[in-house]
Amino acid sequence: MVMIRLARQEDLPALRDIERAAGKAFADIDMAFVADDEPPSIETLRTFQKDGRAWVSVDRNDYPVAYLIADIIGDDAHIEQVSVHPCYCGEGLGR
């Protein structure tokens, strides 16, 4: 069962870890520039989290395994980032 909830402040370091782990796959397909890109800072993630624009998919221990952050552009929501830890790829969490 997939559980999605709003991100909490204590989740933010895990989001950076998810981003780094997910980025490693890009190195295998000659896109090292994506793999080497630094994840959003804790401060940036905190802004999304405080504004209610960061969600996580969690495992049965309530630990984040995927996340989505959204921006508002004009009157519309815009998905800024979706990342899934490679251990959970293929389970539809990025959909």
C-alpha atoms as a PDB file:
ATOM      1  CA  MET A   1       0.000   0.000   0.000  1.00  0.00           C
ATOM      2  CA  VAL A   2       1.333   3.418  -0.971  1.00  0.00           C
ATOM      3  CA  MET A   3       1.032   6.163   1.602  1.00  0.00           C
ATOM      4  CA  ILE A   4       1.425   9.754   0.462  1.00  0.00           C
ATOM      5  CA  ARG A   5       1.544  12.563   2.977  1.00  0.00           C
ATOM      6  CA  LEU A   6       2.781  16.109   3.302  1.00  0.00           C
ATOM      7  CA  ALA A   7       6.513  16.298   3.895  1.00  0.00           C
ATOM      8  CA  ARG A   8       7.669  17.123   7.397  1.00  0.00           C
ATOM      9  CA  GLN A   9      10.734  19.115   8.334  1.00  0.00           C
ATOM     10  CA  GLU A  10      12.464  15.960   9.597  1.00  0.00           C
ATOM     11  CA  ASP A  11      11.984  14.371   6.128  1.00  0.00           C
ATOM     12  CA  LEU A  12      14.063  16.970   4.293  1.00  0.00           C
ATOM     13  CA  PRO A  13      17.493  15.287   4.579  1.00  0.00           C
ATOM     14  CA  ALA A  14      15.945  12.064   3.229  1.00  0.00           C
ATOM     15  CA  LEU A  15      14.656  13.979   0.197  1.00  0.00           C
ATOM     16  CA  ARG A  16      18.200  15.026  -0.654  1.00  0.00           C
ATOM     17  CA  ASP A  17      19.303  11.382  -0.279  1.00  0.00           C
ATOM     18  CA  ILE A  18      16.498  10.220  -2.582  1.00  0.00           C
ATOM     19  CA  GLU A  19      17.543  12.802  -5.177  1.00  0.00           C
ATOM     20  CA  ARG A  20      21.174  11.711  -5.091  1.00  0.00           C
ATOM     21  CA  ALA A  21      20.284   8.024  -5.344  1.00  0.00           C
ATOM     22  CA  ALA A  22      17.840   8.640  -8.199  1.00  0.00           C
ATOM     23  CA  GLY A  23      20.408  10.742 -10.043  1.00  0.00           C
ATOM     24  CA  LYS A  24      22.931   7.903 -10.188  1.00  0.00           C
ATOM     25  CA  ALA A  25      20.898   6.171 -12.910  1.00  0.00           C
ATOM     26  CA  PHE A  26      21.575   9.099 -15.237  1.00  0.00           C
ATOM     27  CA  ALA A  27      25.320   8.475 -15.087  1.00  0.00           C
ATOM     28  CA  ASP A  28      24.710   5.072 -16.691  1.00  0.00           C
ATOM     29  CA  ILE A  29      23.107   6.677 -19.751  1.00  0.00           C
ATOM     30  CA  ASP A  30      25.759   9.326 -20.428  1.00  0.00           C
ATOM     31  CA  MET A  31      23.920  12.064 -18.546  1.00  0.00           C
ATOM     32  CA  ALA A  32      26.463  12.601 -15.783  1.00  0.00           C
ATOM     33  CA  PHE A  33      25.530  16.279 -15.672  1.00  0.00           C
ATOM     34  CA  VAL A  34      22.163  15.217 -14.219  1.00  0.00           C
ATOM     35  CA  ALA A  35      23.733  12.689 -11.849  1.00  0.00           C
ATOM     36  CA  ASP A  36      26.214  15.282 -10.614  1.00  0.00           C
ATOM     37  CA  ASP A  37      23.596  17.998 -10.107  1.00  0.00           C
ATOM     38  CA  GLU A  38      23.292  18.918  -6.441  1.00  0.00           C
ATOM     39  CA  PRO A  39      19.849  18.262  -4.892  1.00  0.00           C
ATOM     40  CA  PRO A  40      17.798  21.206  -3.663  1.00  0.00           C
ATOM     41  CA  SER A  41      19.182  22.620  -0.433  1.00  0.00           C
ATOM     42  CA  ILE A  42      17.494  21.976   2.893  1.00  0.00           C
ATOM     43  CA  GLU A  43      16.498  25.656   2.915  1.00  0.00           C
ATOM     44  CA  THR A  44      14.852  25.358  -0.512  1.00  0.00           C
ATOM     45  CA  LEU A  45      13.074  22.156   0.460  1.00  0.00           C
ATOM     46  CA  ARG A  46      11.967  23.768   3.722  1.00  0.00           C
ATOM     47  CA  THR A  47      10.270  26.557   1.773  1.00  0.00           C
ATOM     48  CA  PHE A  48       8.264  24.017  -0.240  1.00  0.00           C
ATOM     49  CA  GLN A  49       7.510  22.043   2.933  1.00  0.00           C
ATOM     50  CA  LYS A  50       6.365  25.058   4.967  1.00  0.00           C
ATOM     51  CA  ASP A  51       4.155  26.221   2.088  1.00  0.00           C
ATOM     52  CA  GLY A  52       2.458  22.804   1.872  1.00  0.00           C
ATOM     53  CA  ARG A  53       3.926  22.137  -1.567  1.00  0.00           C
ATOM     54  CA  ALA A  54       6.036  19.052  -0.747  1.00  0.00           C
ATOM     55  CA  TRP A  55       4.699  15.508  -0.544  1.00  0.00           C
ATOM     56  CA  VAL A  56       6.389  12.211   0.205  1.00  0.00           C
ATOM     57  CA  SER A  57       5.567   8.606  -0.474  1.00  0.00           C
ATOM     58  CA  VAL A  58       6.628   6.594   2.543  1.00  0.00           C
ATOM     59  CA  ASP A  59       7.412   2.971   3.302  1.00  0.00           C
ATOM     60  CA  ARG A  60       5.671   1.019   6.051  1.00  0.00           C
ATOM     61  CA  ASN A  61       8.031   2.611   8.592  1.00  0.00           C
ATOM     62  CA  ASP A  62       6.863   6.082   7.506  1.00  0.00           C
ATOM     63  CA  TYR A  63      10.271   6.780   5.907  1.00  0.00           C
ATOM     64  CA  PRO A  64      10.262   8.752   2.624  1.00  0.00           C
ATOM     65  CA  VAL A  65      11.088   6.747  -0.506  1.00  0.00           C
ATOM     66  CA  ALA A  66       9.856   9.265  -3.100  1.00  0.00           C
ATOM     67  CA  TYR A  67       8.904  12.917  -3.165  1.00  0.00           C
ATOM     68  CA  LEU A  68       7.274  15.642  -5.207  1.00  0.00           C
ATOM     69  CA  ILE A  69       7.627  19.399  -4.833  1.00  0.00           C
ATOM     70  CA  ALA A  70       5.370  21.853  -6.631  1.00  0.00           C
ATOM     71  CA  ASP A  71       5.590  25.507  -7.543  1.00  0.00           C
ATOM     72  CA  ILE A  72       2.819  27.963  -8.314  1.00  0.00           C
ATOM     73  CA  ILE A  73       3.153  29.754 -11.625  1.00  0.00           C
ATOM     74  CA  GLY A  74       0.424  32.298 -12.161  1.00  0.00           C
ATOM     75  CA  ASP A  75      -2.727  30.506 -11.068  1.00  0.00           C
ATOM     76  CA  ASP A  76      -1.440  27.040 -11.904  1.00  0.00           C
ATOM     77  CA  ALA A  77       0.439  24.338 -10.046  1.00  0.00           C
ATOM     78  CA  HIS A  78       3.709  23.231 -11.647  1.00  0.00           C
ATOM     79  CA  ILE A  79       5.547  20.047 -10.709  1.00  0.00           C
ATOM     80  CA  GLU A  80       9.050  21.238  -9.899  1.00  0.00           C
ATOM     81  CA  GLN A  81      10.609  17.876  -9.041  1.00  0.00           C
ATOM     82  CA  VAL A  82       9.632  14.222  -8.721  1.00  0.00           C
ATOM     83  CA  SER A  83      12.201  11.723  -7.478  1.00  0.00           C
ATOM     84  CA  VAL A  84      11.927   8.071  -6.500  1.00  0.00           C
ATOM     85  CA  HIS A  85      14.606   6.090  -4.718  1.00  0.00           C
ATOM     86  CA  PRO A  86      15.899   3.416  -7.139  1.00  0.00           C
ATOM     87  CA  CYS A  87      14.934   0.639  -4.708  1.00  0.00           C
ATOM     88  CA  TYR A  88      11.296   1.610  -5.311  1.00  0.00           C
ATOM     89  CA  CYS A  89      11.394   2.205  -9.080  1.00  0.00           C
ATOM     90  CA  GLY A  90       8.775   0.400 -11.102  1.00  0.00           C
ATOM     91  CA  GLU A  91       6.140   0.594  -8.388  1.00  0.00           C
ATOM     92  CA  GLY A  92       4.339   3.594  -9.877  1.00  0.00           C
ATOM     93  CA  LEU A  93       5.378   6.055  -7.194  1.00  0.00           C
ATOM     94  CA  GLY A  94       6.374   8.681  -9.747  1.00  0.00           C
ATOM     95  CA  ARG A  95       2.964   8.606 -11.395  1.00  0.00           C
END
